mmCIF file of all heavy atoms, coordinates in Angstrom:
data_MODEL
# 
_entry.id   MODEL 
# 
loop_
_atom_site.group_PDB 
_atom_site.id 
_atom_site.type_symbol 
_atom_site.label_atom_id 
_atom_site.label_alt_id 
_atom_site.label_comp_id 
_atom_site.label_asym_id 
_atom_site.label_entity_id 
_atom_site.label_seq_id 
_atom_site.pdbx_PDB_ins_code 
_atom_site.Cartn_x 
_atom_site.Cartn_y 
_atom_site.Cartn_z 
_atom_site.occupancy 
_atom_site.B_iso_or_equiv 
_atom_site.pdbx_formal_charge 
_atom_site.auth_seq_id 
_atom_site.auth_comp_id 
_atom_site.auth_asym_id 
_atom_site.auth_atom_id 
_atom_site.pdbx_PDB_model_num 
ATOM 1   N N   . GLY A 1 1  ? 0.810  -1.211 0.000   1.00 0.00 ? 1  GLY A N   1 
ATOM 2   C CA  . GLY A 1 1  ? 0.000  0.000  0.000   1.00 0.00 ? 1  GLY A CA  1 
ATOM 3   C C   . GLY A 1 1  ? 0.842  1.260  0.000   1.00 0.00 ? 1  GLY A C   1 
ATOM 4   O O   . GLY A 1 1  ? 0.543  2.232  -0.711  1.00 0.00 ? 1  GLY A O   1 
ATOM 5   N N   . LEU A 1 2  ? 1.908  1.248  0.770   1.00 0.00 ? 2  LEU A N   1 
ATOM 6   C CA  . LEU A 1 2  ? 2.796  2.409  0.840   1.00 0.00 ? 2  LEU A CA  1 
ATOM 7   C C   . LEU A 1 2  ? 3.571  2.601  -0.461  1.00 0.00 ? 2  LEU A C   1 
ATOM 8   O O   . LEU A 1 2  ? 3.798  3.728  -0.903  1.00 0.00 ? 2  LEU A O   1 
ATOM 9   C CB  . LEU A 1 2  ? 3.754  2.256  2.021   1.00 0.00 ? 2  LEU A CB  1 
ATOM 10  C CG  . LEU A 1 2  ? 3.098  2.403  3.405   1.00 0.00 ? 2  LEU A CG  1 
ATOM 11  C CD1 . LEU A 1 2  ? 4.014  1.869  4.487   1.00 0.00 ? 2  LEU A CD1 1 
ATOM 12  C CD2 . LEU A 1 2  ? 2.761  3.874  3.678   1.00 0.00 ? 2  LEU A CD2 1 
ATOM 13  N N   . LEU A 1 3  ? 3.969  1.493  -1.070  1.00 0.00 ? 3  LEU A N   1 
ATOM 14  C CA  . LEU A 1 3  ? 4.668  1.595  -2.350  1.00 0.00 ? 3  LEU A CA  1 
ATOM 15  C C   . LEU A 1 3  ? 3.746  2.148  -3.434  1.00 0.00 ? 3  LEU A C   1 
ATOM 16  O O   . LEU A 1 3  ? 4.165  2.968  -4.258  1.00 0.00 ? 3  LEU A O   1 
ATOM 17  C CB  . LEU A 1 3  ? 5.211  0.224  -2.768  1.00 0.00 ? 3  LEU A CB  1 
ATOM 18  C CG  . LEU A 1 3  ? 6.396  -0.312 -1.962  1.00 0.00 ? 3  LEU A CG  1 
ATOM 19  C CD1 . LEU A 1 3  ? 6.762  -1.712 -2.434  1.00 0.00 ? 3  LEU A CD1 1 
ATOM 20  C CD2 . LEU A 1 3  ? 7.601  0.607  -2.056  1.00 0.00 ? 3  LEU A CD2 1 
ATOM 21  N N   . LYS A 1 4  ? 2.498  1.700  -3.422  1.00 0.00 ? 4  LYS A N   1 
ATOM 22  C CA  . LYS A 1 4  ? 1.538  2.207  -4.407  1.00 0.00 ? 4  LYS A CA  1 
ATOM 23  C C   . LYS A 1 4  ? 1.335  3.713  -4.245  1.00 0.00 ? 4  LYS A C   1 
ATOM 24  O O   . LYS A 1 4  ? 1.141  4.440  -5.222  1.00 0.00 ? 4  LYS A O   1 
ATOM 25  C CB  . LYS A 1 4  ? 0.206  1.475  -4.257  1.00 0.00 ? 4  LYS A CB  1 
ATOM 26  C CG  . LYS A 1 4  ? -0.809 1.834  -5.325  1.00 0.00 ? 4  LYS A CG  1 
ATOM 27  C CD  . LYS A 1 4  ? -2.071 0.993  -5.200  1.00 0.00 ? 4  LYS A CD  1 
ATOM 28  C CE  . LYS A 1 4  ? -3.069 1.358  -6.299  1.00 0.00 ? 4  LYS A CE  1 
ATOM 29  N NZ  . LYS A 1 4  ? -4.300 0.534  -6.201  1.00 0.00 ? 4  LYS A NZ  1 
ATOM 30  N N   . ALA A 1 5  ? 1.406  4.179  -2.988  1.00 0.00 ? 5  ALA A N   1 
ATOM 31  C CA  . ALA A 1 5  ? 1.254  5.613  -2.713  1.00 0.00 ? 5  ALA A CA  1 
ATOM 32  C C   . ALA A 1 5  ? 2.550  6.384  -2.950  1.00 0.00 ? 5  ALA A C   1 
ATOM 33  O O   . ALA A 1 5  ? 2.597  7.599  -2.768  1.00 0.00 ? 5  ALA A O   1 
ATOM 34  C CB  . ALA A 1 5  ? 0.776  5.809  -1.279  1.00 0.00 ? 5  ALA A CB  1 
ATOM 35  N N   . ARG A 1 6  ? 3.607  5.659  -3.322  1.00 0.00 ? 6  ARG A N   1 
ATOM 36  C CA  . ARG A 1 6  ? 4.916  6.234  -3.641  1.00 0.00 ? 6  ARG A CA  1 
ATOM 37  C C   . ARG A 1 6  ? 5.677  6.747  -2.412  1.00 0.00 ? 6  ARG A C   1 
ATOM 38  O O   . ARG A 1 6  ? 6.241  7.851  -2.415  1.00 0.00 ? 6  ARG A O   1 
ATOM 39  C CB  . ARG A 1 6  ? 4.806  7.330  -4.705  1.00 0.00 ? 6  ARG A CB  1 
ATOM 40  C CG  . ARG A 1 6  ? 4.206  6.819  -6.021  1.00 0.00 ? 6  ARG A CG  1 
ATOM 41  C CD  . ARG A 1 6  ? 4.344  7.832  -7.135  1.00 0.00 ? 6  ARG A CD  1 
ATOM 42  N NE  . ARG A 1 6  ? 3.798  7.326  -8.389  1.00 0.00 ? 6  ARG A NE  1 
ATOM 43  C CZ  . ARG A 1 6  ? 4.430  6.487  -9.220  1.00 0.00 ? 6  ARG A CZ  1 
ATOM 44  N NH1 . ARG A 1 6  ? 5.632  6.045  -8.897  1.00 0.00 ? 6  ARG A NH1 1 
ATOM 45  N NH2 . ARG A 1 6  ? 3.858  6.080  -10.335 1.00 0.00 ? 6  ARG A NH2 1 
ATOM 46  N N   . ALA A 1 7  ? 5.697  5.931  -1.389  1.00 0.00 ? 7  ALA A N   1 
ATOM 47  C CA  . ALA A 1 7  ? 6.560  6.233  -0.244  1.00 0.00 ? 7  ALA A CA  1 
ATOM 48  C C   . ALA A 1 7  ? 8.010  6.194  -0.703  1.00 0.00 ? 7  ALA A C   1 
ATOM 49  O O   . ALA A 1 7  ? 8.371  5.447  -1.617  1.00 0.00 ? 7  ALA A O   1 
ATOM 50  C CB  . ALA A 1 7  ? 6.330  5.200  0.869   1.00 0.00 ? 7  ALA A CB  1 
ATOM 51  N N   . ALA A 1 8  ? 8.848  6.996  -0.063  1.00 0.00 ? 8  ALA A N   1 
ATOM 52  C CA  . ALA A 1 8  ? 10.253 7.107  -0.473  1.00 0.00 ? 8  ALA A CA  1 
ATOM 53  C C   . ALA A 1 8  ? 11.009 5.806  -0.217  1.00 0.00 ? 8  ALA A C   1 
ATOM 54  O O   . ALA A 1 8  ? 11.050 5.312  0.911   1.00 0.00 ? 8  ALA A O   1 
ATOM 55  C CB  . ALA A 1 8  ? 10.919 8.248  0.281   1.00 0.00 ? 8  ALA A CB  1 
ATOM 56  N N   . LEU A 1 9  ? 11.614 5.279  -1.259  1.00 0.00 ? 9  LEU A N   1 
ATOM 57  C CA  . LEU A 1 9  ? 12.361 4.023  -1.148  1.00 0.00 ? 9  LEU A CA  1 
ATOM 58  C C   . LEU A 1 9  ? 13.723 4.217  -0.489  1.00 0.00 ? 9  LEU A C   1 
ATOM 59  O O   . LEU A 1 9  ? 14.220 3.318  0.189   1.00 0.00 ? 9  LEU A O   1 
ATOM 60  C CB  . LEU A 1 9  ? 12.570 3.415  -2.534  1.00 0.00 ? 9  LEU A CB  1 
ATOM 61  C CG  . LEU A 1 9  ? 11.345 2.832  -3.226  1.00 0.00 ? 9  LEU A CG  1 
ATOM 62  C CD1 . LEU A 1 9  ? 11.666 2.535  -4.687  1.00 0.00 ? 9  LEU A CD1 1 
ATOM 63  C CD2 . LEU A 1 9  ? 10.890 1.565  -2.516  1.00 0.00 ? 9  LEU A CD2 1 
ATOM 64  N N   . GLU A 1 10 ? 14.330 5.377  -0.693  1.00 0.00 ? 10 GLU A N   1 
ATOM 65  C CA  . GLU A 1 10 ? 15.712 5.571  -0.255  1.00 0.00 ? 10 GLU A CA  1 
ATOM 66  C C   . GLU A 1 10 ? 15.860 6.396  1.018   1.00 0.00 ? 10 GLU A C   1 
ATOM 67  O O   . GLU A 1 10 ? 16.977 6.814  1.359   1.00 0.00 ? 10 GLU A O   1 
ATOM 68  C CB  . GLU A 1 10 ? 16.532 6.206  -1.382  1.00 0.00 ? 10 GLU A CB  1 
ATOM 69  C CG  . GLU A 1 10 ? 16.478 5.453  -2.705  1.00 0.00 ? 10 GLU A CG  1 
ATOM 70  C CD  . GLU A 1 10 ? 16.822 3.970  -2.589  1.00 0.00 ? 10 GLU A CD  1 
ATOM 71  O OE1 . GLU A 1 10 ? 17.626 3.607  -1.705  1.00 0.00 ? 10 GLU A OE1 1 
ATOM 72  O OE2 . GLU A 1 10 ? 16.283 3.183  -3.384  1.00 0.00 ? 10 GLU A OE2 1 
ATOM 73  N N   . ALA A 1 11 ? 14.755 6.653  1.717   1.00 0.00 ? 11 ALA A N   1 
ATOM 74  C CA  . ALA A 1 11 ? 14.871 7.321  3.023   1.00 0.00 ? 11 ALA A CA  1 
ATOM 75  C C   . ALA A 1 11 ? 15.744 6.465  3.929   1.00 0.00 ? 11 ALA A C   1 
ATOM 76  O O   . ALA A 1 11 ? 15.736 5.236  3.834   1.00 0.00 ? 11 ALA A O   1 
ATOM 77  C CB  . ALA A 1 11 ? 13.482 7.508  3.632   1.00 0.00 ? 11 ALA A CB  1 
ATOM 78  N N   . GLN A 1 12 ? 16.505 7.118  4.811   1.00 0.00 ? 12 GLN A N   1 
ATOM 79  C CA  . GLN A 1 12 ? 17.428 6.388  5.690   1.00 0.00 ? 12 GLN A CA  1 
ATOM 80  C C   . GLN A 1 12 ? 17.134 6.700  7.150   1.00 0.00 ? 12 GLN A C   1 
ATOM 81  O O   . GLN A 1 12 ? 16.804 7.838  7.502   1.00 0.00 ? 12 GLN A O   1 
ATOM 82  C CB  . GLN A 1 12 ? 18.873 6.766  5.362   1.00 0.00 ? 12 GLN A CB  1 
ATOM 83  C CG  . GLN A 1 12 ? 19.314 6.308  3.973   1.00 0.00 ? 12 GLN A CG  1 
ATOM 84  C CD  . GLN A 1 12 ? 20.728 6.755  3.642   1.00 0.00 ? 12 GLN A CD  1 
ATOM 85  O OE1 . GLN A 1 12 ? 21.002 7.943  3.534   1.00 0.00 ? 12 GLN A OE1 1 
ATOM 86  N NE2 . GLN A 1 12 ? 21.625 5.796  3.479   1.00 0.00 ? 12 GLN A NE2 1 
ATOM 87  N N   . ASP A 1 13 ? 17.281 5.691  7.990   1.00 0.00 ? 13 ASP A N   1 
ATOM 88  C CA  . ASP A 1 13 ? 17.064 5.882  9.421   1.00 0.00 ? 13 ASP A CA  1 
ATOM 89  C C   . ASP A 1 13 ? 18.329 6.431  10.074  1.00 0.00 ? 13 ASP A C   1 
ATOM 90  O O   . ASP A 1 13 ? 19.278 6.834  9.392   1.00 0.00 ? 13 ASP A O   1 
ATOM 91  C CB  . ASP A 1 13 ? 16.591 4.585  10.075  1.00 0.00 ? 13 ASP A CB  1 
ATOM 92  C CG  . ASP A 1 13 ? 17.658 3.482  10.079  1.00 0.00 ? 13 ASP A CG  1 
ATOM 93  O OD1 . ASP A 1 13 ? 18.830 3.759  9.738   1.00 0.00 ? 13 ASP A OD1 1 
ATOM 94  O OD2 . ASP A 1 13 ? 17.311 2.340  10.430  1.00 0.00 ? 13 ASP A OD2 1 
ATOM 95  N N   . ALA A 1 14 ? 18.366 6.446  11.387  1.00 0.00 ? 14 ALA A N   1 
ATOM 96  C CA  . ALA A 1 14 ? 19.496 7.025  12.104  1.00 0.00 ? 14 ALA A CA  1 
ATOM 97  C C   . ALA A 1 14 ? 20.808 6.291  11.836  1.00 0.00 ? 14 ALA A C   1 
ATOM 98  O O   . ALA A 1 14 ? 21.900 6.846  12.001  1.00 0.00 ? 14 ALA A O   1 
ATOM 99  C CB  . ALA A 1 14 ? 19.204 7.045  13.605  1.00 0.00 ? 14 ALA A CB  1 
ATOM 100 N N   . ASP A 1 15 ? 20.712 5.028  11.415  1.00 0.00 ? 15 ASP A N   1 
ATOM 101 C CA  . ASP A 1 15 ? 21.907 4.238  11.088  1.00 0.00 ? 15 ASP A CA  1 
ATOM 102 C C   . ASP A 1 15 ? 22.214 4.268  9.599   1.00 0.00 ? 15 ASP A C   1 
ATOM 103 O O   . ASP A 1 15 ? 23.106 3.555  9.129   1.00 0.00 ? 15 ASP A O   1 
ATOM 104 C CB  . ASP A 1 15 ? 21.722 2.780  11.533  1.00 0.00 ? 15 ASP A CB  1 
ATOM 105 C CG  . ASP A 1 15 ? 21.631 2.656  13.046  1.00 0.00 ? 15 ASP A CG  1 
ATOM 106 O OD1 . ASP A 1 15 ? 22.432 3.319  13.735  1.00 0.00 ? 15 ASP A OD1 1 
ATOM 107 O OD2 . ASP A 1 15 ? 20.767 1.913  13.534  1.00 0.00 ? 15 ASP A OD2 1 
ATOM 108 N N   . GLY A 1 16 ? 21.455 5.087  8.873   1.00 0.00 ? 16 GLY A N   1 
ATOM 109 C CA  . GLY A 1 16 ? 21.674 5.188  7.436   1.00 0.00 ? 16 GLY A CA  1 
ATOM 110 C C   . GLY A 1 16 ? 21.094 4.031  6.651   1.00 0.00 ? 16 GLY A C   1 
ATOM 111 O O   . GLY A 1 16 ? 21.446 3.819  5.490   1.00 0.00 ? 16 GLY A O   1 
ATOM 112 N N   . GLU A 1 17 ? 20.197 3.265  7.273   1.00 0.00 ? 17 GLU A N   1 
ATOM 113 C CA  . GLU A 1 17 ? 19.644 2.096  6.592   1.00 0.00 ? 17 GLU A CA  1 
ATOM 114 C C   . GLU A 1 17 ? 18.318 2.413  5.904   1.00 0.00 ? 17 GLU A C   1 
ATOM 115 O O   . GLU A 1 17 ? 17.495 3.169  6.433   1.00 0.00 ? 17 GLU A O   1 
ATOM 116 C CB  . GLU A 1 17 ? 19.490 0.935  7.576   1.00 0.00 ? 17 GLU A CB  1 
ATOM 117 C CG  . GLU A 1 17 ? 20.820 0.498  8.147   1.00 0.00 ? 17 GLU A CG  1 
ATOM 118 C CD  . GLU A 1 17 ? 20.797 -0.868 8.795   1.00 0.00 ? 17 GLU A CD  1 
ATOM 119 O OE1 . GLU A 1 17 ? 19.694 -1.428 8.983   1.00 0.00 ? 17 GLU A OE1 1 
ATOM 120 O OE2 . GLU A 1 17 ? 21.885 -1.365 9.131   1.00 0.00 ? 17 GLU A OE2 1 
ATOM 121 N N   . THR A 1 18 ? 18.135 1.836  4.750   1.00 0.00 ? 18 THR A N   1 
ATOM 122 C CA  . THR A 1 18 ? 16.915 2.010  3.968   1.00 0.00 ? 18 THR A CA  1 
ATOM 123 C C   . THR A 1 18 ? 15.930 0.882  4.298   1.00 0.00 ? 18 THR A C   1 
ATOM 124 O O   . THR A 1 18 ? 16.272 -0.085 4.987   1.00 0.00 ? 18 THR A O   1 
ATOM 125 C CB  . THR A 1 18 ? 17.231 1.968  2.473   1.00 0.00 ? 18 THR A CB  1 
ATOM 126 O OG1 . THR A 1 18 ? 17.742 0.651  2.141   1.00 0.00 ? 18 THR A OG1 1 
ATOM 127 C CG2 . THR A 1 18 ? 18.254 3.029  2.093   1.00 0.00 ? 18 THR A CG2 1 
ATOM 128 N N   . ALA A 1 19 ? 14.723 1.002  3.752   1.00 0.00 ? 19 ALA A N   1 
ATOM 129 C CA  . ALA A 1 19 ? 13.717 -0.047 3.965   1.00 0.00 ? 19 ALA A CA  1 
ATOM 130 C C   . ALA A 1 19 ? 14.225 -1.390 3.445   1.00 0.00 ? 19 ALA A C   1 
ATOM 131 O O   . ALA A 1 19 ? 13.990 -2.434 4.059   1.00 0.00 ? 19 ALA A O   1 
ATOM 132 C CB  . ALA A 1 19 ? 12.414 0.337  3.284   1.00 0.00 ? 19 ALA A CB  1 
ATOM 133 N N   . LEU A 1 20 ? 14.930 -1.383 2.315   1.00 0.00 ? 20 LEU A N   1 
ATOM 134 C CA  . LEU A 1 20 ? 15.466 -2.624 1.760   1.00 0.00 ? 20 LEU A CA  1 
ATOM 135 C C   . LEU A 1 20 ? 16.492 -3.250 2.697   1.00 0.00 ? 20 LEU A C   1 
ATOM 136 O O   . LEU A 1 20 ? 16.483 -4.466 2.923   1.00 0.00 ? 20 LEU A O   1 
ATOM 137 C CB  . LEU A 1 20 ? 16.083 -2.361 0.382   1.00 0.00 ? 20 LEU A CB  1 
ATOM 138 C CG  . LEU A 1 20 ? 16.733 -3.560 -0.304  1.00 0.00 ? 20 LEU A CG  1 
ATOM 139 C CD1 . LEU A 1 20 ? 15.741 -4.699 -0.493  1.00 0.00 ? 20 LEU A CD1 1 
ATOM 140 C CD2 . LEU A 1 20 ? 17.342 -3.140 -1.645  1.00 0.00 ? 20 LEU A CD2 1 
ATOM 141 N N   . MET A 1 21 ? 17.377 -2.444 3.252   1.00 0.00 ? 21 MET A N   1 
ATOM 142 C CA  . MET A 1 21 ? 18.369 -2.960 4.199   1.00 0.00 ? 21 MET A CA  1 
ATOM 143 C C   . MET A 1 21 ? 17.693 -3.569 5.416   1.00 0.00 ? 21 MET A C   1 
ATOM 144 O O   . MET A 1 21 ? 18.074 -4.645 5.898   1.00 0.00 ? 21 MET A O   1 
ATOM 145 C CB  . MET A 1 21 ? 19.310 -1.833 4.635   1.00 0.00 ? 21 MET A CB  1 
ATOM 146 C CG  . MET A 1 21 ? 20.216 -1.299 3.551   1.00 0.00 ? 21 MET A CG  1 
ATOM 147 S SD  . MET A 1 21 ? 21.222 0.074  4.204   1.00 0.00 ? 21 MET A SD  1 
ATOM 148 C CE  . MET A 1 21 ? 22.077 0.592  2.719   1.00 0.00 ? 21 MET A CE  1 
ATOM 149 N N   . ILE A 1 22 ? 16.686 -2.883 5.907   1.00 0.00 ? 22 ILE A N   1 
ATOM 150 C CA  . ILE A 1 22 ? 15.980 -3.358 7.098   1.00 0.00 ? 22 ILE A CA  1 
ATOM 151 C C   . ILE A 1 22 ? 15.269 -4.673 6.805   1.00 0.00 ? 22 ILE A C   1 
ATOM 152 O O   . ILE A 1 22 ? 15.324 -5.621 7.606   1.00 0.00 ? 22 ILE A O   1 
ATOM 153 C CB  . ILE A 1 22 ? 14.990 -2.281 7.587   1.00 0.00 ? 22 ILE A CB  1 
ATOM 154 C CG1 . ILE A 1 22 ? 15.764 -1.071 8.123   1.00 0.00 ? 22 ILE A CG1 1 
ATOM 155 C CG2 . ILE A 1 22 ? 14.048 -2.836 8.649   1.00 0.00 ? 22 ILE A CG2 1 
ATOM 156 C CD1 . ILE A 1 22 ? 14.922 0.168  8.345   1.00 0.00 ? 22 ILE A CD1 1 
ATOM 157 N N   . ALA A 1 23 ? 14.617 -4.760 5.661   1.00 0.00 ? 23 ALA A N   1 
ATOM 158 C CA  . ALA A 1 23 ? 13.931 -6.001 5.286   1.00 0.00 ? 23 ALA A CA  1 
ATOM 159 C C   . ALA A 1 23 ? 14.931 -7.150 5.184   1.00 0.00 ? 23 ALA A C   1 
ATOM 160 O O   . ALA A 1 23 ? 14.665 -8.266 5.648   1.00 0.00 ? 23 ALA A O   1 
ATOM 161 C CB  . ALA A 1 23 ? 13.202 -5.821 3.960   1.00 0.00 ? 23 ALA A CB  1 
ATOM 162 N N   . ALA A 1 24 ? 16.083 -6.876 4.589   1.00 0.00 ? 24 ALA A N   1 
ATOM 163 C CA  . ALA A 1 24 ? 17.093 -7.917 4.403   1.00 0.00 ? 24 ALA A CA  1 
ATOM 164 C C   . ALA A 1 24 ? 17.633 -8.427 5.729   1.00 0.00 ? 24 ALA A C   1 
ATOM 165 O O   . ALA A 1 24 ? 17.787 -9.638 5.934   1.00 0.00 ? 24 ALA A O   1 
ATOM 166 C CB  . ALA A 1 24 ? 18.230 -7.387 3.541   1.00 0.00 ? 24 ALA A CB  1 
# 
């Protein structure tokens, strides 16, 4: 749902990690 709404893919958390890194 968030991807369909175009949530930012490359946003980074305090450790510099993206959603993809976190999922992995």
